[in-house]
Structures are given as C-alpha cells and as structure tokens.
PDB file of N, CA and C in Angstrom:
ATOM      1  N   UNK A   1     106.451 102.816 124.244  1.00  0.00           N
ATOM      2  CA  UNK A   1     106.939 103.880 123.383  1.00  0.00           C
ATOM      3  C   UNK A   1     108.077 103.373 122.498  1.00  0.00           C
ATOM      4  N   UNK A   2     108.930 102.509 123.032  1.00  0.00           N
ATOM      5  CA  UNK A   2     110.046 101.977 122.260  1.00  0.00           C
ATOM      6  C   UNK A   2     109.539 101.102 121.115  1.00  0.00           C
ATOM      7  N   UNK A   3     108.488 100.329 121.377  1.00  0.00           N
ATOM      8  CA  UNK A   3     107.923  99.473 120.344  1.00  0.00           C
ATOM      9  C   UNK A   3     107.328 100.316 119.208  1.00  0.00           C
ATOM     10  N   UNK A   4     106.719 101.441 119.546  1.00  0.00           N
ATOM     11  CA  UNK A   4     106.156 102.328 118.535  1.00  0.00           C
ATOM     12  C   UNK A   4     107.267 102.911 117.662  1.00  0.00           C
ATOM     13  N   UNK A   5     108.373 103.299 118.256  1.00  0.00           N
ATOM     14  CA  UNK A   5     109.508 103.838 117.490  1.00  0.00           C
ATOM     15  C   UNK A   5     110.114 102.781 116.578  1.00  0.00           C
ATOM     16  N   UNK A   6     110.057 101.531 116.983  1.00  0.00           N
ATOM     17  CA  UNK A   6     110.597 100.459 116.156  1.00  0.00           C
ATOM     18  C   UNK A   6     109.660 100.130 114.994  1.00  0.00           C
ATOM     19  N   UNK A   7     108.374 100.272 115.180  1.00  0.00           N
ATOM     20  CA  UNK A   7     107.398  99.906 114.162  1.00  0.00           C
ATOM     21  C   UNK A   7     107.100 101.047 113.189  1.00  0.00           C
ATOM     22  N   UNK A   8     107.332 102.280 113.564  1.00  0.00           N
ATOM     23  CA  UNK A   8     106.995 103.431 112.722  1.00  0.00           C
ATOM     24  C   UNK A   8     107.704 103.389 111.363  1.00  0.00           C
ATOM     25  N   UNK A   9     109.014 103.127 111.287  1.00  0.00           N
ATOM     26  CA  UNK A   9     109.653 103.073 109.963  1.00  0.00           C
ATOM     27  C   UNK A   9     109.097 101.957 109.076  1.00  0.00           C
ATOM     28  N   UNK A  10     108.739 100.829 109.663  1.00  0.00           N
ATOM     29  CA  UNK A  10     108.159  99.736 108.878  1.00  0.00           C
ATOM     30  C   UNK A  10     106.789 100.121 108.336  1.00  0.00           C
ATOM     31  N   UNK A  11     105.998 100.807 109.145  1.00  0.00           N
ATOM     32  CA  UNK A  11     104.685 101.264 108.704  1.00  0.00           C
ATOM     33  C   UNK A  11     104.815 102.284 107.574  1.00  0.00           C
ATOM     34  N   UNK A  12     105.733 103.231 107.708  1.00  0.00           N
ATOM     35  CA  UNK A  12     105.948 104.242 106.665  1.00  0.00           C
ATOM     36  C   UNK A  12     106.424 103.576 105.371  1.00  0.00           C
ATOM     37  N   UNK A  13     107.313 102.601 105.462  1.00  0.00           N
ATOM     38  CA  UNK A  13     107.799 101.893 104.280  1.00  0.00           C
ATOM     39  C   UNK A  13     106.667 101.130 103.600  1.00  0.00           C
ATOM     40  N   UNK A  14     105.800 100.521 104.372  1.00  0.00           N
ATOM     41  CA  UNK A  14     104.671  99.791 103.794  1.00  0.00           C
ATOM     42  C   UNK A  14     103.711 100.740 103.083  1.00  0.00           C
ATOM     43  N   UNK A  15     103.469 101.903 103.658  1.00  0.00           N
ATOM     44  CA  UNK A  15     102.584 102.888 103.032  1.00  0.00           C
ATOM     45  C   UNK A  15     103.212 103.391 101.732  1.00  0.00           C
ATOM     46  N   UNK A  16     104.500 103.696 101.732  1.00  0.00           N
ATOM     47  CA  UNK A  16     105.166 104.166 100.518  1.00  0.00           C
ATOM     48  C   UNK A  16     105.173 103.090  99.428  1.00  0.00           C
ATOM     49  N   UNK A  17     105.352 101.839  99.807  1.00  0.00           N
ATOM     50  CA  UNK A  17     105.316 100.752  98.834  1.00  0.00           C
ATOM     51  C   UNK A  17     103.918 100.619  98.225  1.00  0.00           C
ATOM     52  N   UNK A  18     102.888 100.768  99.044  1.00  0.00           N
ATOM     53  CA  UNK A  18     101.520 100.694  98.529  1.00  0.00           C
ATOM     54  C   UNK A  18     101.231 101.849  97.571  1.00  0.00           C
ATOM     55  N   UNK A  19     101.716 103.032  97.882  1.00  0.00           N
ATOM     56  CA  UNK A  19     101.534 104.182  96.995  1.00  0.00           C
ATOM     57  C   UNK A  19     102.264 103.953  95.678  1.00  0.00           C
ATOM     58  N   UNK A  20     103.465 103.386  95.713  1.00  0.00           N
ATOM     59  CA  UNK A  20     104.224 103.113  94.489  1.00  0.00           C
ATOM     60  C   UNK A  20     103.499 102.100  93.615  1.00  0.00           C
ATOM     61  N   UNK A  21     102.959 101.050  94.201  1.00  0.00           N
ATOM     62  CA  UNK A  21     102.225 100.039  93.436  1.00  0.00           C
ATOM     63  C   UNK A  21     100.974 100.655  92.822  1.00  0.00           C
ATOM     64  N   UNK A  22     100.253 101.476  93.579  1.00  0.00           N
ATOM     65  CA  UNK A  22      99.044 102.120  93.057  1.00  0.00           C
ATOM     66  C   UNK A  22      99.381 103.074  91.915  1.00  0.00           C
ATOM     67  N   UNK A  23     100.503 103.757  92.001  1.00  0.00           N
ATOM     68  CA  UNK A  23     100.914 104.678  90.939  1.00  0.00           C
ATOM     69  C   UNK A  23     101.221 103.925  89.654  1.00  0.00           C
ATOM     70  N   UNK A  24     101.933 102.823  89.759  1.00  0.00           N
ATOM     71  CA  UNK A  24     102.269 102.025  88.577  1.00  0.00           C
ATOM     72  C   UNK A  24     101.019 101.413  87.969  1.00  0.00           C
ATOM     73  N   UNK A  25     100.117 100.921  88.793  1.00  0.00           N
ATOM     74  CA  UNK A  25      98.879 100.328  88.287  1.00  0.00           C
ATOM     75  C   UNK A  25      98.014 101.369  87.589  1.00  0.00           C
ATOM     76  N   UNK A  26      98.059 102.607  88.051  1.00  0.00           N
ATOM     77  CA  UNK A  26      97.225 103.660  87.482  1.00  0.00           C
ATOM     78  C   UNK A  26      97.859 104.381  86.314  1.00  0.00           C
ATOM     79  N   UNK A  27      99.037 103.960  85.867  1.00  0.00           N
ATOM     80  CA  UNK A  27      99.719 104.646  84.771  1.00  0.00           C
ATOM     81  C   UNK A  27      98.938 104.536  83.468  1.00  0.00           C
ATOM     82  N   UNK A  28      98.264 103.431  83.241  1.00  0.00           N
ATOM     83  CA  UNK A  28      97.367 103.291  82.113  1.00  0.00           C
ATOM     84  C   UNK A  28      98.022 103.110  80.761  1.00  0.00           C
ATOM     85  N   UNK A  29      99.124 102.430  80.677  1.00  0.00           N
ATOM     86  CA  UNK A  29      99.768 102.183  79.394  1.00  0.00           C
ATOM     87  C   UNK A  29      99.619 100.697  79.068  1.00  0.00           C
ATOM     88  N   UNK A  30      98.768 100.394  78.061  1.00  0.00           N
ATOM     89  CA  UNK A  30      98.548  99.006  77.693  1.00  0.00           C
ATOM     90  C   UNK A  30      99.616  98.469  76.754  1.00  0.00           C
ATOM     91  N   UNK A  31     100.241  99.347  75.964  1.00  0.00           N
ATOM     92  CA  UNK A  31     101.251  98.935  74.991  1.00  0.00           C
ATOM     93  C   UNK A  31     102.604  99.514  75.405  1.00  0.00           C
ATOM     94  N   UNK A  32     103.508  98.698  75.954  1.00  0.00           N
ATOM     95  CA  UNK A  32     104.794  99.236  76.395  1.00  0.00           C
ATOM     96  C   UNK A  32     105.715  99.641  75.253  1.00  0.00           C
ATOM     97  N   UNK A  33     105.402  99.206  74.026  1.00  0.00           N
ATOM     98  CA  UNK A  33     106.239  99.554  72.877  1.00  0.00           C
ATOM     99  C   UNK A  33     107.347  98.549  72.669  1.00  0.00           C
ATOM    100  N   UNK A  34     108.042  98.720  71.542  1.00  0.00           N
ATOM    101  CA  UNK A  34     109.160  97.841  71.222  1.00  0.00           C
ATOM    102  C   UNK A  34     110.132  98.611  70.339  1.00  0.00           C
ATOM    103  N   UNK A  35     111.370  98.179  70.312  1.00  0.00           N
ATOM    104  CA  UNK A  35     112.388  98.803  69.469  1.00  0.00           C
ATOM    105  C   UNK A  35     112.554  97.978  68.200  1.00  0.00           C
ATOM    106  N   UNK A  36     112.557  98.653  67.058  1.00  0.00           N
ATOM    107  CA  UNK A  36     112.774  98.001  65.774  1.00  0.00           C
ATOM    108  C   UNK A  36     113.984  98.631  65.101  1.00  0.00           C
ATOM    109  N   UNK A  37     114.771  97.802  64.432  1.00  0.00           N
ATOM    110  CA  UNK A  37     115.960  98.257  63.719  1.00  0.00           C
ATOM    111  C   UNK A  37     115.562  98.706  62.323  1.00  0.00           C
ATOM    112  N   UNK A  38     115.934  99.943  61.960  1.00  0.00           N
ATOM    113  CA  UNK A  38     115.711 100.420  60.596  1.00  0.00           C
ATOM    114  C   UNK A  38     117.033 100.976  60.068  1.00  0.00           C
ATOM    115  N   UNK A  39     117.017 101.630  58.924  1.00  0.00           N
ATOM    116  CA  UNK A  39     118.256 102.105  58.286  1.00  0.00           C
ATOM    117  C   UNK A  39     118.997 103.126  59.142  1.00  0.00           C
ATOM    118  N   UNK A  40     118.292 103.917  59.932  1.00  0.00           N
ATOM    119  CA  UNK A  40     118.920 104.963  60.745  1.00  0.00           C
ATOM    120  C   UNK A  40     119.301 104.493  62.142  1.00  0.00           C
ATOM    121  N   UNK A  41     118.991 103.269  62.499  1.00  0.00           N
ATOM    122  CA  UNK A  41     119.269 102.765  63.834  1.00  0.00           C
ATOM    123  C   UNK A  41     117.990 102.224  64.445  1.00  0.00           C
ATOM    124  N   UNK A  42     117.927 102.196  65.747  1.00  0.00           N
ATOM    125  CA  UNK A  42     116.753 101.670  66.426  1.00  0.00           C
ATOM    126  C   UNK A  42     115.701 102.761  66.584  1.00  0.00           C
ATOM    127  N   UNK A  43     114.439 102.358  66.491  1.00  0.00           N
ATOM    128  CA  UNK A  43     113.320 103.288  66.619  1.00  0.00           C
ATOM    129  C   UNK A  43     112.280 102.661  67.543  1.00  0.00           C
ATOM    130  N   UNK A  44     111.746 103.455  68.469  1.00  0.00           N
ATOM    131  CA  UNK A  44     110.704 102.994  69.369  1.00  0.00           C
ATOM    132  C   UNK A  44     109.379 103.015  68.623  1.00  0.00           C
ATOM    133  N   UNK A  45     108.714 101.864  68.573  1.00  0.00           N
ATOM    134  CA  UNK A  45     107.429 101.736  67.892  1.00  0.00           C
ATOM    135  C   UNK A  45     106.387 101.382  68.936  1.00  0.00           C
ATOM    136  N   UNK A  46     105.292 102.129  68.953  1.00  0.00           N
ATOM    137  CA  UNK A  46     104.244 101.904  69.941  1.00  0.00           C
ATOM    138  C   UNK A  46     104.585 102.600  71.238  1.00  0.00           C
ATOM    139  N   UNK A  47     103.961 102.170  72.301  1.00  0.00           N
ATOM    140  CA  UNK A  47     104.210 102.769  73.603  1.00  0.00           C
ATOM    141  C   UNK A  47     103.274 103.923  73.890  1.00  0.00           C
ATOM    142  N   UNK A  48     103.441 104.521  75.024  1.00  0.00           N
ATOM    143  CA  UNK A  48     102.545 105.578  75.487  1.00  0.00           C
ATOM    144  C   UNK A  48     103.148 106.963  75.328  1.00  0.00           C
ATOM    145  N   UNK A  49     104.332 107.066  74.733  1.00  0.00           N
ATOM    146  CA  UNK A  49     104.992 108.365  74.597  1.00  0.00           C
ATOM    147  C   UNK A  49     104.898 108.800  73.145  1.00  0.00           C
ATOM    148  N   UNK A  50     104.365 109.991  72.928  1.00  0.00           N
ATOM    149  CA  UNK A  50     104.298 110.571  71.586  1.00  0.00           C
ATOM    150  C   UNK A  50     105.538 111.437  71.371  1.00  0.00           C
ATOM    151  N   UNK A  51     105.949 111.660  70.115  1.00  0.00           N
ATOM    152  CA  UNK A  51     107.148 112.467  69.869  1.00  0.00           C
ATOM    153  C   UNK A  51     107.080 113.858  70.500  1.00  0.00           C
ATOM    154  N   UNK A  52     105.907 114.447  70.612  1.00  0.00           N
ATOM    155  CA  UNK A  52     105.795 115.781  71.195  1.00  0.00           C
ATOM    156  C   UNK A  52     105.878 115.803  72.714  1.00  0.00           C
ATOM    157  N   UNK A  53     105.856 114.630  73.356  1.00  0.00           N
ATOM    158  CA  UNK A  53     105.919 114.570  74.818  1.00  0.00           C
ATOM    159  C   UNK A  53     107.306 114.867  75.361  1.00  0.00           C
ATOM    160  N   UNK A  54     108.339 114.622  74.559  1.00  0.00           N
ATOM    161  CA  UNK A  54     109.714 114.834  75.001  1.00  0.00           C
ATOM    162  C   UNK A  54     110.246 116.135  74.411  1.00  0.00           C
ATOM    163  N   UNK A  55     110.777 116.975  75.260  1.00  0.00           N
ATOM    164  CA  UNK A  55     111.347 118.243  74.814  1.00  0.00           C
ATOM    165  C   UNK A  55     112.860 118.125  74.938  1.00  0.00           C
ATOM    166  N   UNK A  56     113.548 118.236  73.798  1.00  0.00           N
ATOM    167  CA  UNK A  56     115.005 118.130  73.775  1.00  0.00           C
ATOM    168  C   UNK A  56     115.560 119.496  73.402  1.00  0.00           C
ATOM    169  N   UNK A  57     116.329 120.128  74.302  1.00  0.00           N
ATOM    170  CA  UNK A  57     116.879 121.446  73.980  1.00  0.00           C
ATOM    171  C   UNK A  57     117.987 121.344  72.937  1.00  0.00           C
ATOM    172  N   UNK A  58     118.177 122.429  72.216  1.00  0.00           N
ATOM    173  CA  UNK A  58     119.270 122.490  71.246  1.00  0.00           C
ATOM    174  C   UNK A  58     120.600 122.474  72.001  1.00  0.00           C
ATOM    175  N   UNK A  59     121.637 121.831  71.453  1.00  0.00           N
ATOM    176  CA  UNK A  59     122.935 121.822  72.144  1.00  0.00           C
ATOM    177  C   UNK A  59     123.522 123.231  72.202  1.00  0.00           C
ATOM    178  N   UNK A  60     124.175 123.527  73.297  1.00  0.00           N
ATOM    179  CA  UNK A  60     124.791 124.843  73.480  1.00  0.00           C
ATOM    180  C   UNK A  60     126.012 124.979  72.579  1.00  0.00           C
ATOM    181  N   UNK A  61     126.276 126.190  72.125  1.00  0.00           N
ATOM    182  CA  UNK A  61     127.454 126.458  71.306  1.00  0.00           C
ATOM    183  C   UNK A  61     128.698 126.364  72.173  1.00  0.00           C
ATOM    184  N   UNK A  62     129.695 125.649  71.678  1.00  0.00           N
ATOM    185  CA  UNK A  62     130.948 125.501  72.404  1.00  0.00           C
ATOM    186  C   UNK A  62     131.859 126.682  72.070  1.00  0.00           C
ATOM    187  N   UNK A  63     132.556 127.236  73.058  1.00  0.00           N
ATOM    188  CA  UNK A  63     133.497 128.319  72.759  1.00  0.00           C
ATOM    189  C   UNK A  63     134.657 127.783  71.919  1.00  0.00           C
ATOM    190  N   UNK A  64     135.237 128.620  71.067  1.00  0.00           N
ATOM    191  CA  UNK A  64     136.337 128.136  70.230  1.00  0.00           C
ATOM    192  C   UNK A  64     137.552 127.776  71.076  1.00  0.00           C
ATOM    193  N   UNK A  65     138.258 126.754  70.639  1.00  0.00           N
ATOM    194  CA  UNK A  65     139.470 126.342  71.348  1.00  0.00           C
ATOM    195  C   UNK A  65     140.639 127.168  70.814  1.00  0.00           C
ATOM    196  N   UNK A  66     141.746 127.238  71.520  1.00  0.00           N
ATOM    197  CA  UNK A  66     142.905 128.010  71.040  1.00  0.00           C
ATOM    198  C   UNK A  66     143.386 127.546  69.665  1.00  0.00           C
ATOM    199  N   UNK A  67     143.280 126.266  69.358  1.00  0.00           N
ATOM    200  CA  UNK A  67     143.712 125.779  68.044  1.00  0.00           C
ATOM    201  C   UNK A  67     142.809 126.336  66.947  1.00  0.00           C
ATOM    202  N   UNK A  68     141.526 126.509  67.242  1.00  0.00           N
ATOM    203  CA  UNK A  68     140.594 127.062  66.255  1.00  0.00           C
ATOM    204  C   UNK A  68     140.877 128.535  65.989  1.00  0.00           C
ATOM    205  N   UNK A  69     141.388 129.243  66.960  1.00  0.00           N
ATOM    206  CA  UNK A  69     141.650 130.668  66.790  1.00  0.00           C
ATOM    207  C   UNK A  69     142.850 130.906  65.876  1.00  0.00           C
ATOM    208  N   UNK A  70     143.814 129.977  65.843  1.00  0.00           N
ATOM    209  CA  UNK A  70     145.004 130.116  65.010  1.00  0.00           C
ATOM    210  C   UNK A  70     144.734 129.713  63.557  1.00  0.00           C
ATOM    211  N   UNK A  71     143.691 128.940  63.313  1.00  0.00           N
ATOM    212  CA  UNK A  71     143.399 128.451  61.971  1.00  0.00           C
ATOM    213  C   UNK A  71     142.617 129.517  61.197  1.00  0.00           C
ATOM    214  N   UNK A  72     143.044 129.814  59.962  1.00  0.00           N
ATOM    215  CA  UNK A  72     142.286 130.802  59.178  1.00  0.00           C
ATOM    216  C   UNK A  72     140.894 130.267  58.823  1.00  0.00           C
ATOM    217  N   UNK A  73     139.947 131.155  58.684  1.00  0.00           N
ATOM    218  CA  UNK A  73     138.583 130.772  58.358  1.00  0.00           C
ATOM    219  C   UNK A  73     138.493 130.267  56.921  1.00  0.00           C
ATOM    220  N   UNK A  74     137.632 129.273  56.706  1.00  0.00           N
ATOM    221  CA  UNK A  74     137.414 128.739  55.367  1.00  0.00           C
ATOM    222  C   UNK A  74     136.470 129.662  54.628  1.00  0.00           C
ATOM    223  N   UNK A  75     136.720 129.833  53.330  1.00  0.00           N
ATOM    224  CA  UNK A  75     135.809 130.687  52.560  1.00  0.00           C
ATOM    225  C   UNK A  75     135.127 129.943  51.455  1.00  0.00           C
TER     226      UNK A  75
END
C-alpha cells in the first residue's frame, strides 16, 4: 500500500504531461506568425489569431480627481 501511495503522484503527473503534449500537438497552427515594425509600432503578421478573436473592453471612466473639480470647464 505504501508503494502505491508513492507511485500515484508520479502516475498522475505522467498522465497530465501526456494530455498537455496531446493538446499542444492538436492545436493545429502551422504559421506561428511574426512581428513586423511599421509606422505605428509593431504589428503581428500571420498566425492563427484573427482580429475578431480577441475582445478588448472599453476602458472604464475614471472619477474626477479633486484637482479637476476646482478647475473651470473649458469652453
């Protein structure tokens, strides 16, 4: 029974490692992409991610600071 308790974590680790390797192999991305420098900065060219795959939320509005409350509004 003691030998089984000693071997169980190694067996579980081996199974998890095999699942991780199978997941990476099955990802199916032949072109990893590359970064190219253009006028606006770096841009990812190629790869398996399309622009619509990433959802970026709009930044939240920050509450005014006390210094902003004392300053008159610009017109």
